[in-house]
Amino acid sequence: MALTNFASLTSNQLTAWSRDFWQVARNMSFINQFAGSGQNAMVQRITELTKNDKGTKAVITLLADMTGDGITGDNTLEGNEEALRAYDITIELDQLRFANRISGRLADQKSVVNFRENSRDALAYAMADRMDQLAFLTLSGIAYTHKTNGALRNTSSTSGHELADLEYASDVSAPTAARHRRIDVSGGTSTLQAGDTTAVAATDKIAYRDIVNLKAYAKDNYIRGLRGAGNEEVFHMFVTPQQMADLKLDSDFLTNVRQASARGPNNQLFSGTSSLMVDGVMVHEFRHVFSTEGATSGTSSNAGAAGYKWGADADVDGARALFCGAQALAMADIGNPEIVEDTFDYQNQAGISIGKIFGLRKPKYNSDYNGSVQDFGVIALDTAQ
């Protein structure tokens, strides 16, 4: 099997190899399935930098709805035009890098594994996985000091060894008041209440009626869905594997999916798909949706603290489902990855590194309906699991 000799590649060949790597990484990334360049994408990808007064930045523009009622009849329109209200959201950029190094030339000769090709796949998976983790933490409003299972990440005394050191880590913000809900079944029927992790009880499991209520809540709060066939609005909802299991055990959910899908073995329930269409909402199961499975159990004194489970006594395993419309997340994807091969120990050891410049931010805007600054396209829904 031929090895890729980076030293012999022309600049064009190296660029092609970098693009091949990035295609592999994107295909492995879950969040990239929902990325697009326009305003009708759940994740709006920005690939070019914009010049402004403060330099060159990655910028996403959000347009608010017009509020005026227009001019009637033959009354004068000139001079009564309404200005478009645009909100520019700046996305900070930073580089994330990974590298592999083989132990030595002899080890490489003994191994039947092609180091460079397998290193490419391993590095691509690592990059895709961390991008997914960062994206779901950003959407959930959870600091990068956490893992997506609620546990705290290991800290390092060396600068630049933590995801929390990324330039855009400080832009992660908790869900805004009108975009943060929780399920409450204390009254016997599940209802949506204001978000509060300390109020989540072990019985507050997600059910079909919560999806229906959340979709109505999103439309009432003027969260725009993605325009699909027939100009219908479609929303995406992301749940943990346990939340999906709770849904599949709910009789109303099962009935809805059975009736909406084809009969027989091709039915989504029989095929075991991780995505199901329910009432105009695509429900996706994904392992990096935030939960507190890995968090620490505590007491009432720990309720609401970072790294602890939810509930009044910090002992409830919770999960934060995400209900997303258009422009729920902004992703700056600038240029191709930088791939470098180097040798060490008198060229006895070979290493490959990958570096990618990108940025993430959850867009906000001044909502006319809510009369305050709110997350633009995502609602966080806290449940027990």
Protein backbone atom coordinates (compact mmCIF):
# COMPACT_ATOMS: atom_id res chain seq x y z
CA MET A 1 0.00 0.00 0.00
CA ALA A 2 1.43 3.35 -1.04
CA LEU A 3 2.11 5.92 1.66
CA THR A 4 1.39 9.61 1.29
CA ASN A 5 4.72 11.43 1.33
CA PHE A 6 3.85 14.96 2.35
CA ALA A 7 7.29 16.26 1.51
CA SER A 8 6.85 15.29 -2.15
CA LEU A 9 3.39 16.82 -2.58
CA THR A 10 2.93 20.04 -4.51
CA SER A 11 0.90 22.82 -2.86
CA ASN A 12 -2.13 21.91 -5.00
CA GLN A 13 -1.83 18.23 -4.05
CA LEU A 14 -1.56 19.09 -0.36
CA THR A 15 -4.63 21.32 -0.66
CA ALA A 16 -6.53 18.43 -2.26
CA TRP A 17 -5.43 16.13 0.58
CA SER A 18 -6.63 18.72 3.12
CA ARG A 19 -10.00 18.97 1.38
CA ASP A 20 -10.27 15.18 1.40
CA PHE A 21 -9.60 15.17 5.13
CA TRP A 22 -12.21 17.89 5.75
CA GLN A 23 -14.78 16.00 3.67
CA VAL A 24 -14.18 12.92 5.84
CA ALA A 25 -14.46 15.03 9.02
CA ARG A 26 -17.68 16.69 7.85
CA ASN A 27 -19.22 13.35 6.93
CA MET A 28 -18.42 12.05 10.41
CA SER A 29 -19.85 15.15 12.09
CA PHE A 30 -23.50 14.96 13.15
CA ILE A 31 -24.11 18.72 13.42
CA ASN A 32 -22.81 19.33 9.88
CA GLN A 33 -25.84 17.47 8.52
CA PHE A 34 -27.91 20.51 9.46
CA ALA A 35 -25.53 23.19 8.16
CA GLY A 36 -26.16 25.38 5.15
CA SER A 37 -25.08 28.72 3.77
CA GLY A 38 -28.45 30.50 3.82
CA GLN A 39 -30.98 31.74 6.35
CA ASN A 40 -33.09 28.62 5.83
CA ALA A 41 -30.54 26.40 7.57
CA MET A 42 -30.66 25.31 11.18
CA VAL A 43 -26.90 25.84 11.39
CA GLN A 44 -25.89 28.78 9.23
CA ARG A 45 -22.34 28.28 7.98
CA ILE A 46 -20.28 31.41 7.31
CA THR A 47 -17.29 30.75 5.08
CA GLU A 48 -16.12 34.32 4.41
CA LEU A 49 -14.92 37.08 6.70
CA THR A 50 -16.55 40.52 6.74
CA LYS A 51 -14.66 43.78 7.18
CA ASN A 52 -15.97 46.12 9.85
CA ASP A 53 -14.73 48.95 12.04
CA LYS A 54 -12.99 46.54 14.38
CA GLY A 55 -11.20 44.51 11.72
CA THR A 56 -12.11 41.35 9.86
CA LYS A 57 -14.65 39.11 11.57
CA ALA A 58 -17.08 36.33 10.82
CA VAL A 59 -20.54 37.91 10.94
CA ILE A 60 -24.08 36.53 10.71
CA THR A 61 -26.96 38.94 10.11
CA LEU A 62 -30.42 38.39 11.63
CA LEU A 63 -33.37 40.30 10.20
CA ALA A 64 -36.26 41.19 12.51
CA ASP A 65 -39.83 41.31 11.16
CA MET A 66 -41.21 44.66 10.05
CA THR A 67 -43.57 46.20 12.62
CA GLY A 68 -45.38 48.89 10.60
CA ASP A 69 -48.79 48.35 8.96
CA GLY A 70 -47.98 50.07 5.68
CA ILE A 71 -49.65 53.03 3.91
CA THR A 72 -53.20 52.72 2.67
CA GLY A 73 -54.83 53.99 -0.53
CA ASP A 74 -53.16 56.86 -2.37
CA ASN A 75 -51.58 58.32 0.74
CA THR A 76 -47.92 59.28 0.46
CA LEU A 77 -45.48 56.39 0.89
CA GLU A 78 -42.33 58.40 0.20
CA GLY A 79 -40.80 59.50 3.47
CA ASN A 80 -42.74 56.85 5.39
CA GLU A 81 -40.53 53.90 4.50
CA GLU A 82 -39.67 51.48 7.30
CA ALA A 83 -36.03 50.72 7.92
CA LEU A 84 -35.01 47.08 8.10
CA ARG A 85 -33.77 46.14 11.55
CA ALA A 86 -30.71 43.95 11.28
CA TYR A 87 -28.72 42.39 14.11
CA ASP A 88 -25.12 41.55 13.32
CA ILE A 89 -23.73 38.69 15.41
CA THR A 90 -19.94 38.43 15.49
CA ILE A 91 -18.43 34.97 15.77
CA GLU A 92 -14.99 34.71 17.34
CA LEU A 93 -12.51 32.40 15.63
CA ASP A 94 -9.95 30.04 17.05
CA GLN A 95 -7.93 27.03 16.00
CA LEU A 96 -8.34 23.49 17.30
CA ARG A 97 -5.51 21.01 16.62
CA PHE A 98 -4.88 17.29 17.01
CA ALA A 99 -1.84 15.17 16.15
CA ASN A 100 -0.63 11.55 16.01
CA ARG A 101 2.96 10.31 16.23
CA ILE A 102 4.19 6.80 15.51
CA SER A 103 6.71 5.29 17.93
CA GLY A 104 9.38 4.70 15.30
CA ARG A 105 10.38 3.47 11.86
CA LEU A 106 10.74 -0.14 13.02
CA ALA A 107 7.28 -0.17 14.53
CA ASP A 108 5.89 1.23 11.29
CA GLN A 109 7.58 -1.52 9.26
CA LYS A 110 6.22 -4.25 11.55
CA SER A 111 2.70 -2.92 11.43
CA VAL A 112 0.32 -3.77 8.60
CA VAL A 113 -1.57 -0.55 9.36
CA ASN A 114 -0.99 2.38 7.01
CA PHE A 115 -0.12 5.07 9.54
CA ARG A 116 -0.91 8.11 7.43
CA GLU A 117 -4.24 6.91 6.07
CA ASN A 118 -5.46 5.60 9.42
CA SER A 119 -4.17 8.69 11.18
CA ARG A 120 -6.23 10.80 8.80
CA ASP A 121 -9.40 8.89 9.72
CA ALA A 122 -8.63 9.01 13.46
CA LEU A 123 -7.88 12.74 13.36
CA ALA A 124 -11.00 13.39 11.27
CA TYR A 125 -13.16 11.56 13.80
CA ALA A 126 -11.58 13.43 16.73
CA MET A 127 -12.17 16.79 15.03
CA ALA A 128 -15.76 15.92 14.07
CA ASP A 129 -16.57 14.61 17.55
CA ARG A 130 -15.21 17.72 19.33
CA MET A 131 -17.08 19.98 16.93
CA ASP A 132 -20.30 18.10 17.73
CA GLN A 133 -19.64 18.42 21.46
CA LEU A 134 -18.91 22.14 21.17
CA ALA A 135 -22.00 22.72 19.01
CA PHE A 136 -24.38 21.02 21.44
CA LEU A 137 -22.84 22.68 24.47
CA THR A 138 -23.21 26.04 22.71
CA LEU A 139 -26.85 25.39 21.79
CA SER A 140 -27.57 24.18 25.33
CA GLY A 141 -25.88 27.15 26.97
CA ILE A 142 -23.49 24.87 28.89
CA ALA A 143 -19.90 26.01 29.48
CA TYR A 144 -17.11 24.14 27.70
CA THR A 145 -15.76 23.13 31.12
CA HIS A 146 -18.44 20.40 31.02
CA LYS A 147 -18.64 17.21 29.04
CA THR A 148 -21.94 16.56 27.29
CA ASN A 149 -22.81 13.96 29.96
CA GLY A 150 -22.64 16.63 32.67
CA ALA A 151 -19.26 15.66 34.12
CA LEU A 152 -16.60 18.34 34.49
CA ARG A 153 -13.69 18.12 32.08
CA ASN A 154 -10.17 17.66 33.39
CA THR A 155 -8.33 20.91 33.89
CA SER A 156 -4.75 21.71 32.94
CA SER A 157 -2.26 24.17 34.33
CA THR A 158 -0.95 24.70 30.79
CA SER A 159 -2.75 27.33 28.73
CA GLY A 160 -4.44 26.12 25.57
CA HIS A 161 -5.00 22.52 26.72
CA GLU A 162 -8.73 22.93 27.41
CA LEU A 163 -11.75 23.60 25.19
CA ALA A 164 -12.60 26.39 27.63
CA ASP A 165 -9.51 28.22 26.32
CA LEU A 166 -11.10 28.70 22.89
CA GLU A 167 -11.75 32.36 22.03
CA TYR A 168 -15.49 31.80 21.61
CA ALA A 169 -15.89 29.86 24.88
CA SER A 170 -16.76 33.09 26.69
CA ASP A 171 -19.66 33.68 24.25
CA VAL A 172 -21.55 30.59 25.47
CA SER A 173 -24.67 31.85 27.21
CA ALA A 174 -27.43 30.19 29.23
CA PRO A 175 -30.85 29.84 27.57
CA THR A 176 -32.78 33.10 27.71
CA ALA A 177 -35.96 33.21 29.83
CA ALA A 178 -38.47 32.80 26.99
CA ARG A 179 -36.38 30.05 25.38
CA HIS A 180 -35.98 27.87 28.45
CA ARG A 181 -38.77 25.46 29.41
CA ARG A 182 -39.07 22.36 31.57
CA ILE A 183 -41.57 19.53 31.77
CA ASP A 184 -43.75 19.37 34.88
CA VAL A 185 -46.00 16.36 35.48
CA SER A 186 -46.69 17.08 39.16
CA GLY A 187 -50.33 17.89 38.37
CA GLY A 188 -50.89 14.56 36.63
CA THR A 189 -50.72 16.04 33.11
CA SER A 190 -47.48 17.15 31.55
CA THR A 191 -47.19 20.92 31.08
CA LEU A 192 -44.42 23.33 30.03
CA GLN A 193 -43.10 25.57 32.78
CA ALA A 194 -40.31 28.13 33.00
CA GLY A 195 -36.88 26.50 32.94
CA ASP A 196 -35.39 25.70 36.34
CA THR A 197 -33.03 22.74 36.75
CA THR A 198 -33.61 22.63 40.52
CA ALA A 199 -37.34 22.03 39.95
CA VAL A 200 -36.91 18.95 37.73
CA ALA A 201 -38.36 15.83 39.39
CA ALA A 202 -37.56 12.20 38.57
CA THR A 203 -41.08 11.72 37.11
CA ASP A 204 -40.78 14.60 34.62
CA LYS A 205 -40.27 12.35 31.58
CA ILE A 206 -40.76 13.56 28.02
CA ALA A 207 -43.89 12.46 26.13
CA TYR A 208 -45.64 13.10 22.82
CA ARG A 209 -47.82 15.92 24.18
CA ASP A 210 -44.66 17.85 25.13
CA ILE A 211 -43.51 17.91 21.49
CA VAL A 212 -46.92 19.19 20.38
CA ASN A 213 -46.98 21.84 23.11
CA LEU A 214 -43.39 22.89 22.40
CA LYS A 215 -44.10 23.34 18.70
CA ALA A 216 -47.09 25.55 19.52
CA TYR A 217 -44.96 27.49 22.02
CA ALA A 218 -42.25 28.01 19.38
CA LYS A 219 -44.75 29.36 16.85
CA ASP A 220 -46.40 31.59 19.46
CA ASN A 221 -42.96 33.03 20.20
CA TYR A 222 -42.24 33.64 16.49
CA ILE A 223 -39.44 31.12 16.15
CA ARG A 224 -39.12 30.50 12.44
CA GLY A 225 -38.95 26.92 11.20
CA LEU A 226 -37.16 25.67 8.10
CA ARG A 227 -39.23 25.99 4.94
CA GLY A 228 -39.78 22.60 3.37
CA ALA A 229 -41.97 21.09 0.67
CA GLY A 230 -45.20 22.98 0.13
CA ASN A 231 -43.74 25.91 2.10
CA GLU A 232 -44.45 24.03 5.32
CA GLU A 233 -42.34 24.82 8.38
CA VAL A 234 -40.22 22.00 9.79
CA PHE A 235 -38.44 22.01 13.14
CA HIS A 236 -35.66 19.77 14.46
CA MET A 237 -35.67 18.41 18.00
CA PHE A 238 -32.63 16.70 19.50
CA VAL A 239 -32.97 14.26 22.39
CA THR A 240 -30.69 11.90 24.32
CA PRO A 241 -30.94 8.14 23.71
CA GLN A 242 -32.81 7.83 27.03
CA GLN A 243 -35.26 10.59 26.11
CA MET A 244 -35.89 8.81 22.81
CA ALA A 245 -36.52 5.59 24.75
CA ASP A 246 -39.04 7.44 26.95
CA LEU A 247 -40.80 8.70 23.83
CA LYS A 248 -40.94 5.24 22.27
CA LEU A 249 -42.50 3.94 25.48
CA ASP A 250 -45.21 6.61 25.35
CA SER A 251 -48.42 5.22 23.82
CA ASP A 252 -49.45 8.52 22.18
CA PHE A 253 -46.03 8.86 20.54
CA LEU A 254 -46.13 5.27 19.27
CA THR A 255 -49.63 5.71 17.84
CA ASN A 256 -48.66 8.90 16.03
CA VAL A 257 -45.53 7.39 14.46
CA ARG A 258 -47.37 4.21 13.42
CA GLN A 259 -50.17 6.15 11.76
CA ALA A 260 -47.85 8.59 9.99
CA SER A 261 -45.42 5.99 8.62
CA ALA A 262 -45.65 3.23 6.06
CA ARG A 263 -47.00 -0.10 7.25
CA GLY A 264 -44.78 -3.18 7.44
CA PRO A 265 -41.06 -3.73 8.07
CA ASN A 266 -40.13 -0.37 6.52
CA ASN A 267 -41.89 1.48 9.36
CA GLN A 268 -39.42 3.72 11.20
CA LEU A 269 -40.12 1.96 14.51
CA PHE A 270 -39.19 -1.43 13.04
CA SER A 271 -36.13 -0.20 11.15
CA GLY A 272 -34.65 1.29 14.33
CA THR A 273 -33.97 4.71 12.86
CA SER A 274 -32.58 7.38 15.20
CA SER A 275 -34.75 10.11 13.62
CA LEU A 276 -38.55 10.18 13.56
CA MET A 277 -40.97 12.71 12.06
CA VAL A 278 -43.70 13.68 14.53
CA ASP A 279 -46.26 16.43 13.83
CA GLY A 280 -43.89 18.38 11.58
CA VAL A 281 -40.97 17.94 13.98
CA MET A 282 -37.96 15.78 13.15
CA VAL A 283 -36.93 14.16 16.43
CA HIS A 284 -33.26 13.09 16.39
CA GLU A 285 -31.51 10.91 18.94
CA PHE A 286 -27.88 11.86 19.53
CA ARG A 287 -25.40 10.92 22.24
CA HIS A 288 -24.02 14.46 22.66
CA VAL A 289 -27.33 16.05 23.62
CA PHE A 290 -26.60 17.35 27.12
CA SER A 291 -27.51 15.21 30.14
CA THR A 292 -26.37 14.87 33.75
CA GLU A 293 -25.62 11.13 33.65
CA GLY A 294 -21.94 11.77 34.38
CA ALA A 295 -22.56 14.54 36.91
CA THR A 296 -22.16 14.17 40.67
CA SER A 297 -25.08 13.50 43.02
CA GLY A 298 -25.38 15.96 45.86
CA THR A 299 -27.76 17.43 48.40
CA SER A 300 -29.97 20.50 48.53
CA SER A 301 -26.87 22.61 49.14
CA ASN A 302 -25.53 21.57 45.69
CA ALA A 303 -28.77 22.19 43.75
CA GLY A 304 -28.05 24.18 40.60
CA ALA A 305 -24.27 24.00 40.99
CA ALA A 306 -22.00 23.15 38.05
CA GLY A 307 -21.11 19.48 37.71
CA TYR A 308 -24.06 18.26 39.82
CA LYS A 309 -27.26 16.50 38.87
CA TRP A 310 -30.59 18.36 38.80
CA GLY A 311 -33.52 18.54 41.18
CA ALA A 312 -34.05 20.10 44.59
CA ASP A 313 -31.49 17.72 46.09
CA ALA A 314 -29.15 17.51 43.06
CA ASP A 315 -29.94 13.80 42.67
CA VAL A 316 -32.11 13.68 39.50
CA ASP A 317 -30.65 12.59 36.17
CA GLY A 318 -31.80 15.24 33.72
CA ALA A 319 -31.40 16.00 30.04
CA ARG A 320 -31.75 19.14 27.92
CA ALA A 321 -33.60 18.50 24.67
CA LEU A 322 -33.14 21.15 21.99
CA PHE A 323 -36.00 22.39 19.80
CA CYS A 324 -34.44 24.17 16.82
CA GLY A 325 -35.69 26.34 14.00
CA ALA A 326 -33.80 28.34 11.38
CA GLN A 327 -30.49 29.99 12.34
CA ALA A 328 -30.39 28.28 15.72
CA LEU A 329 -26.59 28.15 15.55
CA ALA A 330 -23.96 30.12 13.65
CA MET A 331 -20.78 28.36 12.55
CA ALA A 332 -17.77 30.14 11.08
CA ASP A 333 -15.98 27.66 8.82
CA ILE A 334 -12.97 29.53 7.48
CA GLY A 335 -10.66 27.89 4.95
CA ASN A 336 -9.34 24.36 4.64
CA PRO A 337 -7.67 22.55 7.54
CA GLU A 338 -3.93 22.95 7.94
CA ILE A 339 -2.27 19.54 7.78
CA VAL A 340 1.42 19.15 8.62
CA GLU A 341 3.65 16.10 8.65
CA ASP A 342 6.88 16.24 10.59
CA THR A 343 9.66 13.88 11.68
CA PHE A 344 11.43 13.58 15.02
CA ASP A 345 14.44 11.78 16.50
CA TYR A 346 16.61 11.99 13.37
CA GLN A 347 13.62 11.18 11.17
CA ASN A 348 12.94 7.92 13.04
CA GLN A 349 9.47 9.01 14.14
CA ALA A 350 6.73 10.43 11.93
CA GLY A 351 3.86 12.62 13.08
CA ILE A 352 0.82 14.22 11.49
CA SER A 353 -1.12 17.20 12.84
CA ILE A 354 -4.43 18.75 11.84
CA GLY A 355 -5.52 22.27 12.65
CA LYS A 356 -8.87 23.88 11.80
CA ILE A 357 -9.98 27.46 12.29
CA PHE A 358 -13.67 27.74 13.13
CA GLY A 359 -16.06 29.37 15.57
CA LEU A 360 -19.51 28.81 17.06
CA ARG A 361 -22.12 31.11 18.52
CA LYS A 362 -25.81 30.93 19.44
CA PRO A 363 -27.51 33.95 17.79
CA LYS A 364 -29.65 36.32 19.88
CA TYR A 365 -31.89 39.22 18.91
CA ASN A 366 -34.26 41.75 20.44
CA SER A 367 -37.63 40.00 20.21
CA ASP A 368 -40.60 42.30 19.60
CA TYR A 369 -42.94 39.60 20.85
CA ASN A 370 -41.11 39.02 24.13
CA GLY A 371 -39.91 42.61 24.53
CA SER A 372 -36.38 41.49 25.42
CA VAL A 373 -33.23 39.90 24.04
CA GLN A 374 -33.83 36.20 23.34
CA ASP A 375 -32.12 33.27 21.66
CA PHE A 376 -33.08 33.45 18.01
CA GLY A 377 -33.84 29.90 16.94
CA VAL A 378 -33.55 27.38 19.79
CA ILE A 379 -35.58 26.40 22.85
CA ALA A 380 -33.99 24.34 25.62
CA LEU A 381 -36.35 21.81 27.22
CA ASP A 382 -35.26 20.27 30.53
CA THR A 383 -36.62 16.85 31.48
CA ALA A 384 -35.79 13.93 33.73
CA GLN A 385 -34.31 10.86 32.12
